[in-house]
Amino acid sequence: RGYMSLALRTLVDEVLRQPGIWRAQADCAVENPASARVIEK
């Protein structure tokens, strides 16, 4: 339904506005393409 991509995008943008934060990252299992799509979105 797009909830997690929305949550992740919102928080990534929030942390990258913070002083001293230069990188946001996430990982997932190669066998979990649904999670990869969430992260890419």
PDB file of all heavy atoms in Angstrom:
ATOM      1  N   ARG A   1       0.816  -1.218   0.000  1.00  0.00           N
ATOM      2  CA  ARG A   1       0.000   0.000   0.000  1.00  0.00           C
ATOM      3  C   ARG A   1       0.849   1.268   0.000  1.00  0.00           C
ATOM      4  O   ARG A   1       0.310   2.367   0.048  1.00  0.00           O
ATOM      5  CB  ARG A   1      -0.911   0.025   1.223  1.00  0.00           C
ATOM      6  CG  ARG A   1      -1.958  -1.065   1.244  1.00  0.00           C
ATOM      7  CD  ARG A   1      -2.954  -0.715   2.317  1.00  0.00           C
ATOM      8  NE  ARG A   1      -3.746  -1.837   2.736  1.00  0.00           N
ATOM      9  CZ  ARG A   1      -4.572  -1.797   3.769  1.00  0.00           C
ATOM     10  NH1 ARG A   1      -4.690  -0.696   4.484  1.00  0.00           N
ATOM     11  NH2 ARG A   1      -5.279  -2.836   4.103  1.00  0.00           N
ATOM     12  N   GLY A   2       2.180   1.098   0.013  1.00  0.00           N
ATOM     13  CA  GLY A   2       3.070   2.250  -0.023  1.00  0.00           C
ATOM     14  C   GLY A   2       3.369   2.878   1.324  1.00  0.00           C
ATOM     15  O   GLY A   2       4.087   3.875   1.396  1.00  0.00           O
ATOM     16  N   TYR A   3       2.847   2.300   2.403  1.00  0.00           N
ATOM     17  CA  TYR A   3       3.060   2.879   3.729  1.00  0.00           C
ATOM     18  C   TYR A   3       4.538   2.912   4.126  1.00  0.00           C
ATOM     19  O   TYR A   3       5.039   3.917   4.620  1.00  0.00           O
ATOM     20  CB  TYR A   3       2.289   2.105   4.802  1.00  0.00           C
ATOM     21  CG  TYR A   3       0.804   2.299   4.781  1.00  0.00           C
ATOM     22  CD1 TYR A   3      -0.053   1.213   4.654  1.00  0.00           C
ATOM     23  CD2 TYR A   3       0.240   3.566   4.922  1.00  0.00           C
ATOM     24  CE1 TYR A   3      -1.424   1.373   4.657  1.00  0.00           C
ATOM     25  CE2 TYR A   3      -1.135   3.735   4.923  1.00  0.00           C
ATOM     26  CZ  TYR A   3      -1.959   2.636   4.784  1.00  0.00           C
ATOM     27  OH  TYR A   3      -3.317   2.802   4.793  1.00  0.00           O
ATOM     28  N   MET A   4       5.223   1.778   3.949  1.00  0.00           N
ATOM     29  CA  MET A   4       6.600   1.718   4.432  1.00  0.00           C
ATOM     30  C   MET A   4       7.526   2.588   3.599  1.00  0.00           C
ATOM     31  O   MET A   4       8.425   3.225   4.143  1.00  0.00           O
ATOM     32  CB  MET A   4       7.101   0.273   4.484  1.00  0.00           C
ATOM     33  CG  MET A   4       8.338   0.129   5.332  1.00  0.00           C
ATOM     34  SD  MET A   4       8.183   0.774   7.042  1.00  0.00           S
ATOM     35  CE  MET A   4       7.247  -0.531   7.823  1.00  0.00           C
ATOM     36  N   SER A   5       7.324   2.641   2.296  1.00  0.00           N
ATOM     37  CA  SER A   5       8.147   3.536   1.469  1.00  0.00           C
ATOM     38  C   SER A   5       7.944   4.985   1.886  1.00  0.00           C
ATOM     39  O   SER A   5       8.897   5.766   1.950  1.00  0.00           O
ATOM     40  CB  SER A   5       7.821   3.370  -0.018  1.00  0.00           C
ATOM     41  OG  SER A   5       8.218   2.110  -0.472  1.00  0.00           O
ATOM     42  N   LEU A   6       6.699   5.343   2.178  1.00  0.00           N
ATOM     43  CA  LEU A   6       6.396   6.696   2.634  1.00  0.00           C
ATOM     44  C   LEU A   6       7.083   6.983   3.968  1.00  0.00           C
ATOM     45  O   LEU A   6       7.711   8.034   4.151  1.00  0.00           O
ATOM     46  CB  LEU A   6       4.885   6.881   2.763  1.00  0.00           C
ATOM     47  CG  LEU A   6       4.392   8.208   3.344  1.00  0.00           C
ATOM     48  CD1 LEU A   6       4.839   9.393   2.500  1.00  0.00           C
ATOM     49  CD2 LEU A   6       2.863   8.181   3.471  1.00  0.00           C
ATOM     50  N   ALA A   7       6.985   6.058   4.906  1.00  0.00           N
ATOM     51  CA  ALA A   7       7.619   6.231   6.219  1.00  0.00           C
ATOM     52  C   ALA A   7       9.132   6.340   6.077  1.00  0.00           C
ATOM     53  O   ALA A   7       9.758   7.235   6.660  1.00  0.00           O
ATOM     54  CB  ALA A   7       7.246   5.066   7.141  1.00  0.00           C
ATOM     55  N   LEU A   8       9.717   5.458   5.288  1.00  0.00           N
ATOM     56  CA  LEU A   8      11.164   5.452   5.117  1.00  0.00           C
ATOM     57  C   LEU A   8      11.631   6.734   4.434  1.00  0.00           C
ATOM     58  O   LEU A   8      12.585   7.379   4.892  1.00  0.00           O
ATOM     59  CB  LEU A   8      11.599   4.208   4.333  1.00  0.00           C
ATOM     60  CG  LEU A   8      13.099   4.032   4.101  1.00  0.00           C
ATOM     61  CD1 LEU A   8      13.876   4.005   5.413  1.00  0.00           C
ATOM     62  CD2 LEU A   8      13.351   2.755   3.298  1.00  0.00           C
ATOM     63  N   ARG A   9      10.979   7.128   3.366  1.00  0.00           N
ATOM     64  CA  ARG A   9      11.350   8.372   2.650  1.00  0.00           C
ATOM     65  C   ARG A   9      11.250   9.584   3.585  1.00  0.00           C
ATOM     66  O   ARG A   9      12.136  10.443   3.612  1.00  0.00           O
ATOM     67  CB  ARG A   9      10.462   8.569   1.420  1.00  0.00           C
ATOM     68  CG  ARG A   9      10.803   9.811   0.616  1.00  0.00           C
ATOM     69  CD  ARG A   9       9.984   9.953  -0.668  1.00  0.00           C
ATOM     70  NE  ARG A   9       8.562   9.818  -0.472  1.00  0.00           N
ATOM     71  CZ  ARG A   9       7.822   8.781  -0.857  1.00  0.00           C
ATOM     72  NH1 ARG A   9       8.362   7.764  -1.481  1.00  0.00           N
ATOM     73  NH2 ARG A   9       6.516   8.754  -0.631  1.00  0.00           N
ATOM     74  N   THR A  10      10.195   9.644   4.378  1.00  0.00           N
ATOM     75  CA  THR A  10      10.004  10.755   5.312  1.00  0.00           C
ATOM     76  C   THR A  10      11.128  10.820   6.331  1.00  0.00           C
ATOM     77  O   THR A  10      11.695  11.897   6.581  1.00  0.00           O
ATOM     78  CB  THR A  10       8.641  10.613   6.021  1.00  0.00           C
ATOM     79  OG1 THR A  10       7.607  10.648   5.033  1.00  0.00           O
ATOM     80  CG2 THR A  10       8.428  11.718   7.033  1.00  0.00           C
ATOM     81  N   LEU A  11      11.487   9.680   6.909  1.00  0.00           N
ATOM     82  CA  LEU A  11      12.528   9.672   7.930  1.00  0.00           C
ATOM     83  C   LEU A  11      13.922   9.866   7.342  1.00  0.00           C
ATOM     84  O   LEU A  11      14.779  10.511   7.962  1.00  0.00           O
ATOM     85  CB  LEU A  11      12.461   8.402   8.766  1.00  0.00           C
ATOM     86  CG  LEU A  11      11.245   8.309   9.688  1.00  0.00           C
ATOM     87  CD1 LEU A  11      11.232   6.987  10.438  1.00  0.00           C
ATOM     88  CD2 LEU A  11      11.203   9.476  10.666  1.00  0.00           C
ATOM     89  N   VAL A  12      14.167   9.336   6.147  1.00  0.00           N
ATOM     90  CA  VAL A  12      15.459   9.580   5.483  1.00  0.00           C
ATOM     91  C   VAL A  12      15.638  11.075   5.255  1.00  0.00           C
ATOM     92  O   VAL A  12      16.689  11.646   5.568  1.00  0.00           O
ATOM     93  CB  VAL A  12      15.565   8.793   4.159  1.00  0.00           C
ATOM     94  CG1 VAL A  12      16.711   9.310   3.292  1.00  0.00           C
ATOM     95  CG2 VAL A  12      15.746   7.302   4.436  1.00  0.00           C
ATOM     96  N   ASP A  13      14.606  11.726   4.732  1.00  0.00           N
ATOM     97  CA  ASP A  13      14.686  13.173   4.516  1.00  0.00           C
ATOM     98  C   ASP A  13      14.893  13.913   5.834  1.00  0.00           C
ATOM     99  O   ASP A  13      15.669  14.867   5.900  1.00  0.00           O
ATOM    100  CB  ASP A  13      13.425  13.685   3.811  1.00  0.00           C
ATOM    101  CG  ASP A  13      13.327  13.214   2.366  1.00  0.00           C
ATOM    102  OD1 ASP A  13      14.328  12.709   1.815  1.00  0.00           O
ATOM    103  OD2 ASP A  13      12.227  13.336   1.789  1.00  0.00           O
ATOM    104  N   GLU A  14      14.229  13.469   6.884  1.00  0.00           N
ATOM    105  CA  GLU A  14      14.359  14.101   8.198  1.00  0.00           C
ATOM    106  C   GLU A  14      15.787  13.995   8.732  1.00  0.00           C
ATOM    107  O   GLU A  14      16.358  14.977   9.188  1.00  0.00           O
ATOM    108  CB  GLU A  14      13.377  13.474   9.195  1.00  0.00           C
ATOM    109  CG  GLU A  14      13.434  14.025  10.593  1.00  0.00           C
ATOM    110  CD  GLU A  14      12.991  15.477  10.706  1.00  0.00           C
ATOM    111  OE1 GLU A  14      12.080  15.899   9.967  1.00  0.00           O
ATOM    112  OE2 GLU A  14      13.576  16.194  11.537  1.00  0.00           O
ATOM    113  N   VAL A  15      16.370  12.800   8.681  1.00  0.00           N
ATOM    114  CA  VAL A  15      17.713  12.647   9.252  1.00  0.00           C
ATOM    115  C   VAL A  15      18.769  13.355   8.422  1.00  0.00           C
ATOM    116  O   VAL A  15      19.747  13.874   8.966  1.00  0.00           O
ATOM    117  CB  VAL A  15      18.107  11.168   9.511  1.00  0.00           C
ATOM    118  CG1 VAL A  15      17.135  10.513  10.474  1.00  0.00           C
ATOM    119  CG2 VAL A  15      18.267  10.373   8.237  1.00  0.00           C
ATOM    120  N   LEU A  16      18.586  13.401   7.102  1.00  0.00           N
ATOM    121  CA  LEU A  16      19.591  14.056   6.262  1.00  0.00           C
ATOM    122  C   LEU A  16      19.558  15.579   6.404  1.00  0.00           C
ATOM    123  O   LEU A  16      20.483  16.255   5.941  1.00  0.00           O
ATOM    124  CB  LEU A  16      19.449  13.628   4.802  1.00  0.00           C
ATOM    125  CG  LEU A  16      19.879  12.184   4.518  1.00  0.00           C
ATOM    126  CD1 LEU A  16      19.621  11.814   3.062  1.00  0.00           C
ATOM    127  CD2 LEU A  16      21.335  11.947   4.902  1.00  0.00           C
ATOM    128  N   ARG A  17      18.537  16.117   7.043  1.00  0.00           N
ATOM    129  CA  ARG A  17      18.503  17.551   7.360  1.00  0.00           C
ATOM    130  C   ARG A  17      19.238  17.850   8.664  1.00  0.00           C
ATOM    131  O   ARG A  17      19.488  19.005   8.994  1.00  0.00           O
ATOM    132  CB  ARG A  17      17.057  18.042   7.488  1.00  0.00           C
ATOM    133  CG  ARG A  17      16.331  18.223   6.178  1.00  0.00           C
ATOM    134  CD  ARG A  17      15.031  18.990   6.364  1.00  0.00           C
ATOM    135  NE  ARG A  17      14.016  18.244   7.072  1.00  0.00           N
ATOM    136  CZ  ARG A  17      13.112  17.450   6.497  1.00  0.00           C
ATOM    137  NH1 ARG A  17      13.094  17.317   5.186  1.00  0.00           N
ATOM    138  NH2 ARG A  17      12.213  16.823   7.213  1.00  0.00           N
ATOM    139  N   GLN A  18      19.549  16.825   9.414  1.00  0.00           N
ATOM    140  CA  GLN A  18      20.162  16.993  10.734  1.00  0.00           C
ATOM    141  C   GLN A  18      21.656  17.323  10.603  1.00  0.00           C
ATOM    142  O   GLN A  18      22.356  16.739   9.771  1.00  0.00           O
ATOM    143  CB  GLN A  18      20.014  15.707  11.549  1.00  0.00           C
ATOM    144  CG  GLN A  18      18.592  15.270  11.768  1.00  0.00           C
ATOM    145  CD  GLN A  18      17.952  15.962  12.949  1.00  0.00           C
ATOM    146  OE1 GLN A  18      18.616  16.426  13.856  1.00  0.00           O
ATOM    147  NE2 GLN A  18      16.640  16.021  12.924  1.00  0.00           N
ATOM    148  N   PRO A  19      22.158  18.225  11.437  1.00  0.00           N
ATOM    149  CA  PRO A  19      23.590  18.525  11.415  1.00  0.00           C
ATOM    150  C   PRO A  19      24.413  17.272  11.720  1.00  0.00           C
ATOM    151  O   PRO A  19      24.073  16.503  12.620  1.00  0.00           O
ATOM    152  CB  PRO A  19      23.761  19.552  12.540  1.00  0.00           C
ATOM    153  CG  PRO A  19      22.403  20.073  12.826  1.00  0.00           C
ATOM    154  CD  PRO A  19      21.434  19.002  12.433  1.00  0.00           C
ATOM    155  N   GLY A  20      25.454  17.069  10.958  1.00  0.00           N
ATOM    156  CA  GLY A  20      26.369  15.962  11.202  1.00  0.00           C
ATOM    157  C   GLY A  20      25.946  14.625  10.641  1.00  0.00           C
ATOM    158  O   GLY A  20      26.692  13.647  10.744  1.00  0.00           O
ATOM    159  N   ILE A  21      24.774  14.530  10.044  1.00  0.00           N
ATOM    160  CA  ILE A  21      24.345  13.285   9.398  1.00  0.00           C
ATOM    161  C   ILE A  21      24.550  13.435   7.893  1.00  0.00           C
ATOM    162  O   ILE A  21      24.015  14.347   7.267  1.00  0.00           O
ATOM    163  CB  ILE A  21      22.869  12.949   9.702  1.00  0.00           C
ATOM    164  CG1 ILE A  21      22.671  12.724  11.210  1.00  0.00           C
ATOM    165  CG2 ILE A  21      22.407  11.722   8.903  1.00  0.00           C
ATOM    166  CD1 ILE A  21      23.431  11.542  11.792  1.00  0.00           C
ATOM    167  N   TRP A  22      25.333  12.533   7.333  1.00  0.00           N
ATOM    168  CA  TRP A  22      25.682  12.606   5.911  1.00  0.00           C
ATOM    169  C   TRP A  22      25.169  11.422   5.106  1.00  0.00           C
ATOM    170  O   TRP A  22      25.188  11.460   3.885  1.00  0.00           O
ATOM    171  CB  TRP A  22      27.208  12.701   5.767  1.00  0.00           C
ATOM    172  CG  TRP A  22      27.709  13.973   6.337  1.00  0.00           C
ATOM    173  CD1 TRP A  22      28.162  14.188   7.613  1.00  0.00           C
ATOM    174  CD2 TRP A  22      27.746  15.236   5.686  1.00  0.00           C
ATOM    175  NE1 TRP A  22      28.489  15.501   7.781  1.00  0.00           N
ATOM    176  CE2 TRP A  22      28.255  16.178   6.610  1.00  0.00           C
ATOM    177  CE3 TRP A  22      27.407  15.683   4.402  1.00  0.00           C
ATOM    178  CZ2 TRP A  22      28.422  17.509   6.304  1.00  0.00           C
ATOM    179  CZ3 TRP A  22      27.585  17.014   4.096  1.00  0.00           C
ATOM    180  CH2 TRP A  22      28.086  17.911   5.041  1.00  0.00           C
ATOM    181  N   ARG A  23      24.728  10.381   5.807  1.00  0.00           N
ATOM    182  CA  ARG A  23      24.356   9.156   5.102  1.00  0.00           C
ATOM    183  C   ARG A  23      23.179   8.477   5.804  1.00  0.00           C
ATOM    184  O   ARG A  23      23.149   8.375   7.026  1.00  0.00           O
ATOM    185  CB  ARG A  23      25.569   8.226   5.091  1.00  0.00           C
ATOM    186  CG  ARG A  23      25.355   6.876   4.486  1.00  0.00           C
ATOM    187  CD  ARG A  23      26.658   6.060   4.615  1.00  0.00           C
ATOM    188  NE  ARG A  23      26.463   4.725   4.142  1.00  0.00           N
ATOM    189  CZ  ARG A  23      26.535   4.343   2.879  1.00  0.00           C
ATOM    190  NH1 ARG A  23      26.809   5.224   1.937  1.00  0.00           N
ATOM    191  NH2 ARG A  23      26.329   3.091   2.536  1.00  0.00           N
ATOM    192  N   ALA A  24      22.231   8.009   5.002  1.00  0.00           N
ATOM    193  CA  ALA A  24      21.130   7.161   5.474  1.00  0.00           C
ATOM    194  C   ALA A  24      21.257   5.847   4.722  1.00  0.00           C
ATOM    195  O   ALA A  24      21.501   5.863   3.504  1.00  0.00           O
ATOM    196  CB  ALA A  24      19.789   7.818   5.192  1.00  0.00           C
ATOM    197  N   GLN A  25      21.102   4.722   5.407  1.00  0.00           N
ATOM    198  CA  GLN A  25      21.249   3.445   4.710  1.00  0.00           C
ATOM    199  C   GLN A  25      20.276   2.406   5.236  1.00  0.00           C
ATOM    200  O   GLN A  25      19.776   2.507   6.349  1.00  0.00           O
ATOM    201  CB  GLN A  25      22.686   2.933   4.781  1.00  0.00           C
ATOM    202  CG  GLN A  25      23.103   2.374   6.110  1.00  0.00           C
ATOM    203  CD  GLN A  25      24.553   1.897   6.099  1.00  0.00           C
ATOM    204  OE1 GLN A  25      25.441   2.559   5.566  1.00  0.00           O
ATOM    205  NE2 GLN A  25      24.791   0.760   6.714  1.00  0.00           N
ATOM    206  N   ALA A  26      20.023   1.423   4.401  1.00  0.00           N
ATOM    207  CA  ALA A  26      19.177   0.280   4.746  1.00  0.00           C
ATOM    208  C   ALA A  26      19.675  -0.910   3.939  1.00  0.00           C
ATOM    209  O   ALA A  26      20.263  -0.735   2.863  1.00  0.00           O
ATOM    210  CB  ALA A  26      17.710   0.565   4.417  1.00  0.00           C
ATOM    211  N   ASP A  27      19.437  -2.094   4.453  1.00  0.00           N
ATOM    212  CA  ASP A  27      19.795  -3.285   3.685  1.00  0.00           C
ATOM    213  C   ASP A  27      18.667  -4.294   3.776  1.00  0.00           C
ATOM    214  O   ASP A  27      17.753  -4.173   4.584  1.00  0.00           O
ATOM    215  CB  ASP A  27      21.128  -3.875   4.138  1.00  0.00           C
ATOM    216  CG  ASP A  27      21.144  -4.315   5.596  1.00  0.00           C
ATOM    217  OD1 ASP A  27      20.069  -4.567   6.184  1.00  0.00           O
ATOM    218  OD2 ASP A  27      22.236  -4.420   6.162  1.00  0.00           O
ATOM    219  N   CYS A  28      18.733  -5.268   2.895  1.00  0.00           N
ATOM    220  CA  CYS A  28      17.742  -6.348   2.896  1.00  0.00           C
ATOM    221  C   CYS A  28      18.370  -7.585   2.290  1.00  0.00           C
ATOM    222  O   CYS A  28      19.383  -7.504   1.584  1.00  0.00           O
ATOM    223  CB  CYS A  28      16.481  -5.942   2.130  1.00  0.00           C
ATOM    224  SG  CYS A  28      16.707  -5.706   0.365  1.00  0.00           S
ATOM    225  N   ALA A  29      17.778  -8.733   2.555  1.00  0.00           N
ATOM    226  CA  ALA A  29      18.245  -9.987   1.979  1.00  0.00           C
ATOM    227  C   ALA A  29      18.048  -9.967   0.468  1.00  0.00           C
ATOM    228  O   ALA A  29      17.056  -9.427  -0.035  1.00  0.00           O
ATOM    229  CB  ALA A  29      17.493 -11.163   2.596  1.00  0.00           C
ATOM    230  N   VAL A  30      18.983 -10.538  -0.241  1.00  0.00           N
ATOM    231  CA  VAL A  30      18.885 -10.625  -1.702  1.00  0.00           C
ATOM    232  C   VAL A  30      17.579 -11.312  -2.111  1.00  0.00           C
ATOM    233  O   VAL A  30      16.954 -10.935  -3.098  1.00  0.00           O
ATOM    234  CB  VAL A  30      20.112 -11.383  -2.282  1.00  0.00           C
ATOM    235  CG1 VAL A  30      19.911 -11.757  -3.730  1.00  0.00           C
ATOM    236  CG2 VAL A  30      21.372 -10.557  -2.098  1.00  0.00           C
ATOM    237  N   GLU A  31      17.144 -12.284  -1.312  1.00  0.00           N
ATOM    238  CA  GLU A  31      15.932 -13.047  -1.621  1.00  0.00           C
ATOM    239  C   GLU A  31      14.650 -12.325  -1.239  1.00  0.00           C
ATOM    240  O   GLU A  31      13.575 -12.907  -1.311  1.00  0.00           O
ATOM    241  CB  GLU A  31      15.961 -14.405  -0.902  1.00  0.00           C
ATOM    242  CG  GLU A  31      17.108 -15.291  -1.295  1.00  0.00           C
ATOM    243  CD  GLU A  31      18.336 -15.085  -0.403  1.00  0.00           C
ATOM    244  OE1 GLU A  31      18.371 -14.102   0.379  1.00  0.00           O
ATOM    245  OE2 GLU A  31      19.266 -15.897  -0.498  1.00  0.00           O
ATOM    246  N   ASN A  32      14.738 -11.062  -0.845  1.00  0.00           N
ATOM    247  CA  ASN A  32      13.563 -10.305  -0.418  1.00  0.00           C
ATOM    248  C   ASN A  32      13.339  -9.104  -1.347  1.00  0.00           C
ATOM    249  O   ASN A  32      13.544  -7.952  -0.952  1.00  0.00           O
ATOM    250  CB  ASN A  32      13.743  -9.849   1.040  1.00  0.00           C
ATOM    251  CG  ASN A  32      12.497  -9.262   1.641  1.00  0.00           C
ATOM    252  OD1 ASN A  32      11.479  -9.108   0.970  1.00  0.00           O
ATOM    253  ND2 ASN A  32      12.565  -8.917   2.901  1.00  0.00           N
ATOM    254  N   PRO A  33      12.891  -9.357  -2.585  1.00  0.00           N
ATOM    255  CA  PRO A  33      12.721  -8.259  -3.545  1.00  0.00           C
ATOM    256  C   PRO A  33      11.667  -7.231  -3.135  1.00  0.00           C
ATOM    257  O   PRO A  33      11.765  -6.064  -3.498  1.00  0.00           O
ATOM    258  CB  PRO A  33      12.345  -8.964  -4.849  1.00  0.00           C
ATOM    259  CG  PRO A  33      11.783 -10.283  -4.429  1.00  0.00           C
ATOM    260  CD  PRO A  33      12.510 -10.649  -3.164  1.00  0.00           C
ATOM    261  N   ALA A  34      10.669  -7.637  -2.345  1.00  0.00           N
ATOM    262  CA  ALA A  34       9.650  -6.675  -1.903  1.00  0.00           C
ATOM    263  C   ALA A  34      10.284  -5.601  -1.027  1.00  0.00           C
ATOM    264  O   ALA A  34       9.978  -4.415  -1.158  1.00  0.00           O
ATOM    265  CB  ALA A  34       8.529  -7.396  -1.159  1.00  0.00           C
ATOM    266  N   SER A  35      11.190  -6.002  -0.139  1.00  0.00           N
ATOM    267  CA  SER A  35      11.866  -5.025   0.714  1.00  0.00           C
ATOM    268  C   SER A  35      12.789  -4.135  -0.116  1.00  0.00           C
ATOM    269  O   SER A  35      12.885  -2.928   0.125  1.00  0.00           O
ATOM    270  CB  SER A  35      12.654  -5.733   1.812  1.00  0.00           C
ATOM    271  OG  SER A  35      13.105  -4.801   2.763  1.00  0.00           O
ATOM    272  N   ALA A  36      13.461  -4.704  -1.102  1.00  0.00           N
ATOM    273  CA  ALA A  36      14.315  -3.902  -1.990  1.00  0.00           C
ATOM    274  C   ALA A  36      13.485  -2.828  -2.689  1.00  0.00           C
ATOM    275  O   ALA A  36      13.919  -1.675  -2.807  1.00  0.00           O
ATOM    276  CB  ALA A  36      15.011  -4.804  -3.005  1.00  0.00           C
ATOM    277  N   ARG A  37      12.272  -3.179  -3.128  1.00  0.00           N
ATOM    278  CA  ARG A  37      11.400  -2.190  -3.789  1.00  0.00           C
ATOM    279  C   ARG A  37      11.004  -1.078  -2.827  1.00  0.00           C
ATOM    280  O   ARG A  37      10.941   0.099  -3.202  1.00  0.00           O
ATOM    281  CB  ARG A  37      10.156  -2.865  -4.369  1.00  0.00           C
ATOM    282  CG  ARG A  37      10.422  -3.577  -5.688  1.00  0.00           C
ATOM    283  CD  ARG A  37       9.139  -3.979  -6.398  1.00  0.00           C
ATOM    284  NE  ARG A  37       8.263  -4.814  -5.597  1.00  0.00           N
ATOM    285  CZ  ARG A  37       8.370  -6.127  -5.442  1.00  0.00           C
ATOM    286  NH1 ARG A  37       9.349  -6.770  -6.030  1.00  0.00           N
ATOM    287  NH2 ARG A  37       7.513  -6.794  -4.709  1.00  0.00           N
ATOM    288  N   VAL A  38      10.717  -1.426  -1.570  1.00  0.00           N
ATOM    289  CA  VAL A  38      10.379  -0.419  -0.558  1.00  0.00           C
ATOM    290  C   VAL A  38      11.512   0.592  -0.441  1.00  0.00           C
ATOM    291  O   VAL A  38      11.302   1.805  -0.462  1.00  0.00           O
ATOM    292  CB  VAL A  38      10.105  -1.086   0.820  1.00  0.00           C
ATOM    293  CG1 VAL A  38      10.127  -0.067   1.940  1.00  0.00           C
ATOM    294  CG2 VAL A  38       8.783  -1.831   0.801  1.00  0.00           C
ATOM    295  N   ILE A  39      12.728   0.087  -0.329  1.00  0.00           N
ATOM    296  CA  ILE A  39      13.898   0.952  -0.149  1.00  0.00           C
ATOM    297  C   ILE A  39      14.125   1.825  -1.381  1.00  0.00           C
ATOM    298  O   ILE A  39      14.409   3.019  -1.262  1.00  0.00           O
ATOM    299  CB  ILE A  39      15.140   0.101   0.186  1.00  0.00           C
ATOM    300  CG1 ILE A  39      14.918  -0.663   1.502  1.00  0.00           C
ATOM    301  CG2 ILE A  39      16.378   0.974   0.277  1.00  0.00           C
ATOM    302  CD1 ILE A  39      15.955  -1.746   1.774  1.00  0.00           C
ATOM    303  N   GLU A  40      13.996   1.235  -2.555  1.00  0.00           N
ATOM    304  CA  GLU A  40      14.183   2.000  -3.799  1.00  0.00           C
ATOM    305  C   GLU A  40      13.118   3.086  -3.948  1.00  0.00           C
ATOM    306  O   GLU A  40      13.428   4.216  -4.329  1.00  0.00           O
ATOM    307  CB  GLU A  40      14.158   1.057  -5.000  1.00  0.00           C
ATOM    308  CG  GLU A  40      15.386   0.171  -5.067  1.00  0.00           C
ATOM    309  CD  GLU A  40      15.255  -0.994  -6.037  1.00  0.00           C
ATOM    310  OE1 GLU A  40      14.176  -1.162  -6.666  1.00  0.00           O
ATOM    311  OE2 GLU A  40      16.236  -1.755  -6.169  1.00  0.00           O
ATOM    312  N   LYS A  41      11.861   2.762  -3.625  1.00  0.00           N
ATOM    313  CA  LYS A  41      10.790   3.757  -3.705  1.00  0.00           C
ATOM    314  C   LYS A  41      10.999   4.904  -2.728  1.00  0.00           C
ATOM    315  O   LYS A  41      10.496   6.001  -2.930  1.00  0.00           O
ATOM    316  CB  LYS A  41       9.423   3.105  -3.441  1.00  0.00           C
ATOM    317  CG  LYS A  41       8.921   2.248  -4.571  1.00  0.00           C
ATOM    318  CD  LYS A  41       7.583   1.657  -4.179  1.00  0.00           C
ATOM    319  CE  LYS A  41       7.061   0.699  -5.204  1.00  0.00           C
ATOM    320  NZ  LYS A  41       5.795   0.077  -4.771  1.00  0.00           N
TER     321      LYS A  41
END
